């Protein structure tokens, strides 16, 4: 009998590697990397040439999330990250969805970031 979770994890890892082969962030256009677990969403803006994280945000930091859906919290996290990035002078990024499909929480996160001024 197959272990479905291992198979899903392996497929996601394969997609992640394929995306990372093409998506590279530099000083002009840093990479916006997103990771989601069953409970939280983490994101960071990375300059791959220097190997440094410029800005980060997490749904753990969102204070008023009681009674909200995970998608709504992800959208707030995206808006929070975009606000921090714009304050640091970062306006355009390349989006690294981390092997996840562009729907649900990942899509909401991206929409929240776009609404607050990030372009990708």
C-alpha atoms as a PDB file:
ATOM      1  CA  UNK A   1       0.000   0.000   0.000  1.00  0.00           C
ATOM      2  CA  UNK A   2       1.328   3.442  -0.954  1.00  0.00           C
ATOM      3  CA  UNK A   3       1.840   6.231   1.532  1.00  0.00           C
ATOM      4  CA  UNK A   4      -0.129   9.085  -0.023  1.00  0.00           C
ATOM      5  CA  UNK A   5       1.421  11.825   2.110  1.00  0.00           C
ATOM      6  CA  UNK A   6       4.959  10.860   1.032  1.00  0.00           C
ATOM      7  CA  UNK A   7       3.868  10.829  -2.598  1.00  0.00           C
ATOM      8  CA  UNK A   8       2.228  14.262  -2.310  1.00  0.00           C
ATOM      9  CA  UNK A   9       5.293  15.657  -0.553  1.00  0.00           C
ATOM     10  CA  UNK A  10       7.578  14.272  -3.270  1.00  0.00           C
ATOM     11  CA  UNK A  11       5.447  15.800  -6.048  1.00  0.00           C
ATOM     12  CA  UNK A  12       5.435  19.184  -4.320  1.00  0.00           C
ATOM     13  CA  UNK A  13       9.208  19.014  -3.866  1.00  0.00           C
ATOM     14  CA  UNK A  14       9.623  18.239  -7.569  1.00  0.00           C
ATOM     15  CA  UNK A  15       7.461  21.249  -8.527  1.00  0.00           C
ATOM     16  CA  UNK A  16       9.382  23.425  -6.066  1.00  0.00           C
ATOM     17  CA  UNK A  17      12.725  22.492  -7.620  1.00  0.00           C
ATOM     18  CA  UNK A  18      11.400  23.133 -11.124  1.00  0.00           C
ATOM     19  CA  UNK A  19      10.154  26.596 -10.104  1.00  0.00           C
ATOM     20  CA  UNK A  20      13.397  27.470  -8.279  1.00  0.00           C
ATOM     21  CA  UNK A  21      15.438  26.593 -11.362  1.00  0.00           C
ATOM     22  CA  UNK A  22      13.710  29.446 -13.214  1.00  0.00           C
ATOM     23  CA  UNK A  23      12.870  31.957 -10.461  1.00  0.00           C
ATOM     24  CA  UNK A  24      15.908  33.858  -9.208  1.00  0.00           C
ATOM     25  CA  UNK A  25      15.750  37.058  -7.170  1.00  0.00           C
ATOM     26  CA  UNK A  26      18.329  39.818  -7.346  1.00  0.00           C
ATOM     27  CA  UNK A  27      18.675  43.304  -5.902  1.00  0.00           C
ATOM     28  CA  UNK A  28      16.409  44.846  -8.559  1.00  0.00           C
ATOM     29  CA  UNK A  29      13.715  42.137  -8.340  1.00  0.00           C
ATOM     30  CA  UNK A  30      13.996  40.026  -5.179  1.00  0.00           C
ATOM     31  CA  UNK A  31      12.199  36.693  -4.818  1.00  0.00           C
ATOM     32  CA  UNK A  32       8.981  36.466  -2.787  1.00  0.00           C
ATOM     33  CA  UNK A  33       8.972  32.955  -1.314  1.00  0.00           C
ATOM     34  CA  UNK A  34       5.844  31.496   0.331  1.00  0.00           C
ATOM     35  CA  UNK A  35       5.527  28.462   2.597  1.00  0.00           C
ATOM     36  CA  UNK A  36       2.261  27.193   3.990  1.00  0.00           C
ATOM     37  CA  UNK A  37       1.554  24.580   6.602  1.00  0.00           C
ATOM     38  CA  UNK A  38      -1.831  23.291   7.679  1.00  0.00           C
ATOM     39  CA  UNK A  39      -2.102  26.138  10.171  1.00  0.00           C
ATOM     40  CA  UNK A  40       0.105  29.074   9.118  1.00  0.00           C
ATOM     41  CA  UNK A  41       1.582  30.917   6.142  1.00  0.00           C
ATOM     42  CA  UNK A  42       5.136  32.270   6.127  1.00  0.00           C
ATOM     43  CA  UNK A  43       6.670  34.490   3.474  1.00  0.00           C
ATOM     44  CA  UNK A  44       9.918  36.276   2.905  1.00  0.00           C
ATOM     45  CA  UNK A  45      11.471  38.493   0.284  1.00  0.00           C
ATOM     46  CA  UNK A  46      14.965  37.237  -0.563  1.00  0.00           C
ATOM     47  CA  UNK A  47      17.906  38.651  -2.484  1.00  0.00           C
ATOM     48  CA  UNK A  48      19.427  35.450  -3.899  1.00  0.00           C
ATOM     49  CA  UNK A  49      22.647  37.088  -5.073  1.00  0.00           C
ATOM     50  CA  UNK A  50      23.567  38.041  -1.492  1.00  0.00           C
ATOM     51  CA  UNK A  51      21.632  35.229   0.156  1.00  0.00           C
ATOM     52  CA  UNK A  52      19.823  37.562   2.549  1.00  0.00           C
ATOM     53  CA  UNK A  53      16.229  37.939   3.651  1.00  0.00           C
ATOM     54  CA  UNK A  54      15.093  41.520   3.158  1.00  0.00           C
ATOM     55  CA  UNK A  55      11.561  41.336   4.615  1.00  0.00           C
ATOM     56  CA  UNK A  56       9.524  38.572   6.251  1.00  0.00           C
ATOM     57  CA  UNK A  57       5.991  38.070   7.545  1.00  0.00           C
ATOM     58  CA  UNK A  58       4.025  35.263   9.146  1.00  0.00           C
ATOM     59  CA  UNK A  59       0.395  34.536   9.871  1.00  0.00           C
ATOM     60  CA  UNK A  60       1.529  33.789  13.442  1.00  0.00           C
ATOM     61  CA  UNK A  61       2.050  37.548  13.819  1.00  0.00           C
ATOM     62  CA  UNK A  62      -1.529  38.448  12.835  1.00  0.00           C
ATOM     63  CA  UNK A  63      -3.245  39.391  16.079  1.00  0.00           C
ATOM     64  CA  UNK A  64      -6.982  39.373  15.243  1.00  0.00           C
ATOM     65  CA  UNK A  65      -7.458  36.039  13.493  1.00  0.00           C
ATOM     66  CA  UNK A  66     -10.100  34.468  15.714  1.00  0.00           C
ATOM     67  CA  UNK A  67     -13.125  33.455  13.679  1.00  0.00           C
ATOM     68  CA  UNK A  68     -11.443  34.202  10.346  1.00  0.00           C
ATOM     69  CA  UNK A  69     -10.781  31.683   7.640  1.00  0.00           C
ATOM     70  CA  UNK A  70      -7.212  30.626   6.886  1.00  0.00           C
ATOM     71  CA  UNK A  71      -7.542  32.301   3.474  1.00  0.00           C
ATOM     72  CA  UNK A  72      -8.490  35.641   5.063  1.00  0.00           C
ATOM     73  CA  UNK A  73      -5.520  35.419   7.423  1.00  0.00           C
ATOM     74  CA  UNK A  74      -3.244  34.602   4.461  1.00  0.00           C
ATOM     75  CA  UNK A  75      -4.518  37.721   2.667  1.00  0.00           C
ATOM     76  CA  UNK A  76      -3.712  39.832   5.741  1.00  0.00           C
ATOM     77  CA  UNK A  77      -0.236  38.278   5.869  1.00  0.00           C
ATOM     78  CA  UNK A  78       0.340  39.218   2.222  1.00  0.00           C
ATOM     79  CA  UNK A  79      -0.787  42.771   2.907  1.00  0.00           C
ATOM     80  CA  UNK A  80       1.497  42.958   5.956  1.00  0.00           C
ATOM     81  CA  UNK A  81       4.503  41.739   3.960  1.00  0.00           C
ATOM     82  CA  UNK A  82       3.788  44.185   1.124  1.00  0.00           C
ATOM     83  CA  UNK A  83       3.499  47.073   3.570  1.00  0.00           C
ATOM     84  CA  UNK A  84       6.896  46.232   5.092  1.00  0.00           C
ATOM     85  CA  UNK A  85       8.437  45.830   1.621  1.00  0.00           C
ATOM     86  CA  UNK A  86       7.137  49.163   0.325  1.00  0.00           C
ATOM     87  CA  UNK A  87       8.528  50.873   3.433  1.00  0.00           C
ATOM     88  CA  UNK A  88      11.952  49.415   2.545  1.00  0.00           C
ATOM     89  CA  UNK A  89      11.627  50.588  -1.062  1.00  0.00           C
ATOM     90  CA  UNK A  90      10.843  47.212  -2.647  1.00  0.00           C
ATOM     91  CA  UNK A  91       8.092  47.510  -5.239  1.00  0.00           C
ATOM     92  CA  UNK A  92       8.626  44.653  -7.717  1.00  0.00           C
ATOM     93  CA  UNK A  93       9.351  41.012  -6.898  1.00  0.00           C
ATOM     94  CA  UNK A  94       9.308  37.613  -8.585  1.00  0.00           C
ATOM     95  CA  UNK A  95       6.797  35.216  -7.037  1.00  0.00           C
ATOM     96  CA  UNK A  96       7.994  31.804  -5.843  1.00  0.00           C
ATOM     97  CA  UNK A  97       4.899  29.840  -4.872  1.00  0.00           C
ATOM     98  CA  UNK A  98       7.025  27.039  -3.422  1.00  0.00           C
ATOM     99  CA  UNK A  99       5.494  24.204  -5.422  1.00  0.00           C
ATOM    100  CA  UNK A 100       1.962  24.933  -4.245  1.00  0.00           C
ATOM    101  CA  UNK A 101      -0.889  25.367  -6.707  1.00  0.00           C
ATOM    102  CA  UNK A 102      -1.942  28.977  -7.269  1.00  0.00           C
ATOM    103  CA  UNK A 103      -5.296  28.797  -5.506  1.00  0.00           C
ATOM    104  CA  UNK A 104      -6.714  29.050  -2.018  1.00  0.00           C
ATOM    105  CA  UNK A 105      -4.359  30.531   0.565  1.00  0.00           C
ATOM    106  CA  UNK A 106      -1.503  31.087  -1.891  1.00  0.00           C
ATOM    107  CA  UNK A 107      -3.796  33.042  -4.231  1.00  0.00           C
ATOM    108  CA  UNK A 108      -5.250  35.081  -1.351  1.00  0.00           C
ATOM    109  CA  UNK A 109      -1.749  35.841  -0.080  1.00  0.00           C
ATOM    110  CA  UNK A 110      -0.709  37.090  -3.537  1.00  0.00           C
ATOM    111  CA  UNK A 111      -3.846  39.230  -3.893  1.00  0.00           C
ATOM    112  CA  UNK A 112      -3.264  40.785  -0.468  1.00  0.00           C
ATOM    113  CA  UNK A 113       0.313  41.644  -1.413  1.00  0.00           C
ATOM    114  CA  UNK A 114      -0.754  43.142  -4.757  1.00  0.00           C
ATOM    115  CA  UNK A 115      -3.445  45.275  -3.111  1.00  0.00           C
ATOM    116  CA  UNK A 116      -0.828  46.906  -0.876  1.00  0.00           C
ATOM    117  CA  UNK A 117       1.520  47.820  -3.709  1.00  0.00           C
ATOM    118  CA  UNK A 118       3.772  44.883  -4.609  1.00  0.00           C
ATOM    119  CA  UNK A 119       4.047  44.107  -8.309  1.00  0.00           C
ATOM    120  CA  UNK A 120       4.697  40.620  -9.655  1.00  0.00           C
END
